[in-house]
N, C-alpha and C. Protein backbone atom coordinates (compact mmCIF):
# COMPACT_ATOMS: atom_id res chain seq x y z
N MET A 1 0.60 10.03 0.87
CA MET A 1 1.17 11.35 0.79
C MET A 1 2.68 11.20 0.70
N ILE A 2 3.30 12.05 -0.08
CA ILE A 2 4.75 12.07 -0.20
C ILE A 2 5.30 13.11 0.76
N LYS A 3 6.18 12.69 1.64
CA LYS A 3 6.81 13.58 2.61
C LYS A 3 8.20 13.92 2.09
N VAL A 4 8.56 15.19 2.16
CA VAL A 4 9.86 15.66 1.72
C VAL A 4 10.75 15.86 2.95
N ASN A 5 11.86 15.15 2.98
CA ASN A 5 12.78 15.21 4.12
C ASN A 5 14.00 16.10 3.83
N LEU A 6 13.79 17.16 3.07
CA LEU A 6 14.90 18.05 2.72
C LEU A 6 15.51 18.69 3.95
N ASP A 7 14.68 19.09 4.89
CA ASP A 7 15.20 19.72 6.11
C ASP A 7 16.08 18.77 6.91
N VAL A 8 15.71 17.49 6.93
CA VAL A 8 16.50 16.48 7.65
C VAL A 8 17.87 16.31 7.00
N MET A 9 17.88 16.19 5.67
CA MET A 9 19.15 16.01 4.96
C MET A 9 20.02 17.25 5.07
N MET A 10 19.41 18.42 5.03
CA MET A 10 20.18 19.66 5.18
C MET A 10 20.83 19.71 6.56
N ALA A 11 20.12 19.30 7.58
CA ALA A 11 20.66 19.30 8.94
C ALA A 11 21.80 18.28 9.05
N LYS A 12 21.61 17.10 8.47
CA LYS A 12 22.66 16.07 8.51
C LYS A 12 23.93 16.55 7.82
N ARG A 13 23.77 17.29 6.73
CA ARG A 13 24.92 17.76 5.95
C ARG A 13 25.41 19.14 6.40
N ARG A 14 24.70 19.70 7.36
CA ARG A 14 25.04 21.03 7.90
C ARG A 14 25.21 22.06 6.79
N ILE A 15 24.15 22.20 6.00
CA ILE A 15 24.16 23.15 4.90
C ILE A 15 22.94 24.05 5.03
N SER A 16 23.14 25.32 4.78
CA SER A 16 22.04 26.29 4.89
C SER A 16 21.22 26.30 3.60
N LEU A 17 20.04 26.86 3.70
CA LEU A 17 19.16 26.97 2.54
C LEU A 17 19.83 27.79 1.44
N ASN A 18 20.47 28.89 1.81
CA ASN A 18 21.12 29.74 0.81
C ASN A 18 22.30 29.04 0.14
N ASP A 19 23.10 28.31 0.92
CA ASP A 19 24.22 27.59 0.33
C ASP A 19 23.74 26.49 -0.62
N LEU A 20 22.71 25.77 -0.20
CA LEU A 20 22.15 24.72 -1.05
C LEU A 20 21.54 25.33 -2.31
N SER A 21 20.89 26.45 -2.16
CA SER A 21 20.29 27.14 -3.30
C SER A 21 21.33 27.47 -4.36
N GLU A 22 22.48 27.95 -3.92
CA GLU A 22 23.56 28.28 -4.86
C GLU A 22 24.09 27.03 -5.55
N LYS A 23 24.23 25.94 -4.80
CA LYS A 23 24.77 24.70 -5.37
C LYS A 23 23.84 24.08 -6.41
N VAL A 24 22.54 24.13 -6.16
CA VAL A 24 21.59 23.46 -7.06
C VAL A 24 20.95 24.41 -8.06
N GLU A 25 21.28 25.70 -7.93
CA GLU A 25 20.76 26.73 -8.84
C GLU A 25 19.23 26.77 -8.85
N VAL A 26 18.66 26.74 -7.66
CA VAL A 26 17.22 26.88 -7.46
C VAL A 26 17.05 28.00 -6.43
N THR A 27 16.06 28.84 -6.62
CA THR A 27 15.89 29.97 -5.71
C THR A 27 15.63 29.50 -4.28
N PRO A 28 16.07 30.28 -3.31
CA PRO A 28 15.79 29.93 -1.92
C PRO A 28 14.28 29.79 -1.66
N ALA A 29 13.48 30.61 -2.32
CA ALA A 29 12.02 30.55 -2.14
C ALA A 29 11.47 29.19 -2.58
N ASN A 30 11.95 28.69 -3.71
CA ASN A 30 11.47 27.40 -4.20
C ASN A 30 11.96 26.25 -3.33
N LEU A 31 13.21 26.33 -2.86
CA LEU A 31 13.70 25.30 -1.95
C LEU A 31 12.93 25.34 -0.63
N SER A 32 12.60 26.53 -0.19
CA SER A 32 11.83 26.67 1.05
C SER A 32 10.46 26.00 0.92
N LYS A 33 9.84 26.13 -0.24
CA LYS A 33 8.55 25.46 -0.47
C LYS A 33 8.71 23.95 -0.37
N LEU A 34 9.77 23.42 -0.95
CA LEU A 34 10.02 21.98 -0.84
C LEU A 34 10.29 21.58 0.60
N LYS A 35 11.14 22.35 1.26
CA LYS A 35 11.53 22.05 2.63
C LYS A 35 10.33 22.04 3.57
N ASN A 36 9.40 22.95 3.34
CA ASN A 36 8.22 23.09 4.20
C ASN A 36 7.02 22.31 3.67
N GLU A 37 7.27 21.45 2.69
CA GLU A 37 6.25 20.59 2.10
C GLU A 37 5.06 21.35 1.53
N LYS A 38 5.35 22.51 0.94
CA LYS A 38 4.31 23.31 0.29
C LYS A 38 4.35 23.13 -1.22
N GLY A 39 5.42 22.52 -1.73
CA GLY A 39 5.57 22.31 -3.16
C GLY A 39 4.60 21.25 -3.67
N LYS A 40 4.20 21.39 -4.91
CA LYS A 40 3.27 20.44 -5.50
C LYS A 40 3.96 19.47 -6.45
N ALA A 41 5.20 19.81 -6.85
CA ALA A 41 5.92 18.98 -7.80
C ALA A 41 7.41 19.25 -7.67
N ILE A 42 8.20 18.33 -8.20
CA ILE A 42 9.65 18.52 -8.26
C ILE A 42 10.14 17.97 -9.59
N ARG A 43 10.99 18.70 -10.24
CA ARG A 43 11.57 18.23 -11.50
C ARG A 43 12.66 17.22 -11.20
N PHE A 44 12.81 16.26 -12.10
CA PHE A 44 13.89 15.28 -11.93
C PHE A 44 15.24 15.97 -11.94
N SER A 45 15.40 17.01 -12.72
CA SER A 45 16.69 17.72 -12.75
C SER A 45 16.98 18.37 -11.39
N THR A 46 15.95 18.86 -10.72
CA THR A 46 16.12 19.45 -9.38
C THR A 46 16.44 18.35 -8.37
N LEU A 47 15.73 17.24 -8.45
CA LEU A 47 15.99 16.11 -7.56
C LEU A 47 17.41 15.60 -7.75
N ASP A 48 17.84 15.52 -9.00
CA ASP A 48 19.20 15.08 -9.31
C ASP A 48 20.23 16.03 -8.70
N ALA A 49 20.01 17.33 -8.86
CA ALA A 49 20.93 18.33 -8.31
C ALA A 49 20.97 18.29 -6.79
N LEU A 50 19.81 18.09 -6.16
CA LEU A 50 19.75 17.99 -4.70
C LEU A 50 20.52 16.76 -4.21
N CYS A 51 20.32 15.63 -4.88
CA CYS A 51 21.01 14.41 -4.49
C CYS A 51 22.52 14.57 -4.64
N LYS A 52 22.95 15.23 -5.71
CA LYS A 52 24.37 15.45 -5.92
C LYS A 52 24.94 16.37 -4.84
N ALA A 53 24.26 17.47 -4.56
CA ALA A 53 24.74 18.46 -3.59
C ALA A 53 24.75 17.90 -2.17
N LEU A 54 23.77 17.05 -1.85
CA LEU A 54 23.64 16.52 -0.50
C LEU A 54 24.26 15.13 -0.34
N ASP A 55 24.80 14.60 -1.45
CA ASP A 55 25.41 13.27 -1.45
C ASP A 55 24.44 12.24 -0.85
N CYS A 56 23.27 12.14 -1.49
CA CYS A 56 22.25 11.22 -0.99
C CYS A 56 21.49 10.60 -2.15
N GLN A 57 20.56 9.74 -1.83
CA GLN A 57 19.69 9.09 -2.80
C GLN A 57 18.31 9.74 -2.77
N PRO A 58 17.53 9.64 -3.86
CA PRO A 58 16.18 10.22 -3.86
C PRO A 58 15.33 9.73 -2.68
N GLY A 59 15.50 8.48 -2.29
CA GLY A 59 14.76 7.92 -1.16
C GLY A 59 15.11 8.57 0.17
N ASP A 60 16.27 9.24 0.23
CA ASP A 60 16.64 9.97 1.45
C ASP A 60 15.85 11.27 1.55
N LEU A 61 15.40 11.77 0.41
CA LEU A 61 14.68 13.05 0.37
C LEU A 61 13.16 12.87 0.33
N LEU A 62 12.70 11.79 -0.28
CA LEU A 62 11.27 11.57 -0.46
C LEU A 62 10.83 10.30 0.25
N GLU A 63 9.68 10.36 0.88
CA GLU A 63 9.16 9.22 1.64
C GLU A 63 7.65 9.16 1.48
N TYR A 64 7.12 7.97 1.26
CA TYR A 64 5.67 7.79 1.19
C TYR A 64 5.15 7.52 2.58
N VAL A 65 4.15 8.31 3.00
CA VAL A 65 3.51 8.13 4.30
C VAL A 65 2.01 8.00 4.06
N GLU A 66 1.45 6.91 4.56
CA GLU A 66 0.02 6.69 4.38
C GLU A 66 -0.77 7.70 5.20
N GLU A 67 -1.78 8.31 4.54
CA GLU A 67 -2.61 9.29 5.24
C GLU A 67 -3.62 8.58 6.12
N SER A 68 -3.88 9.17 7.28
CA SER A 68 -4.82 8.53 8.20
C SER A 68 -6.22 9.08 8.02
């Protein structure tokens, strides 16, 4: 399973969902789905924008966790 650590990175960078939404030009609703791990996919352009806005690497946002 792929775990999305968007909430962790947002907390580390002290940025709100609305502020991040404006920076990456993605709706707060769509970012919320990613943050709450309800999303089914992510575009590379969105991942690129998130990494740029949060000054991080894709591996900081995405993590593989083996399902039990």
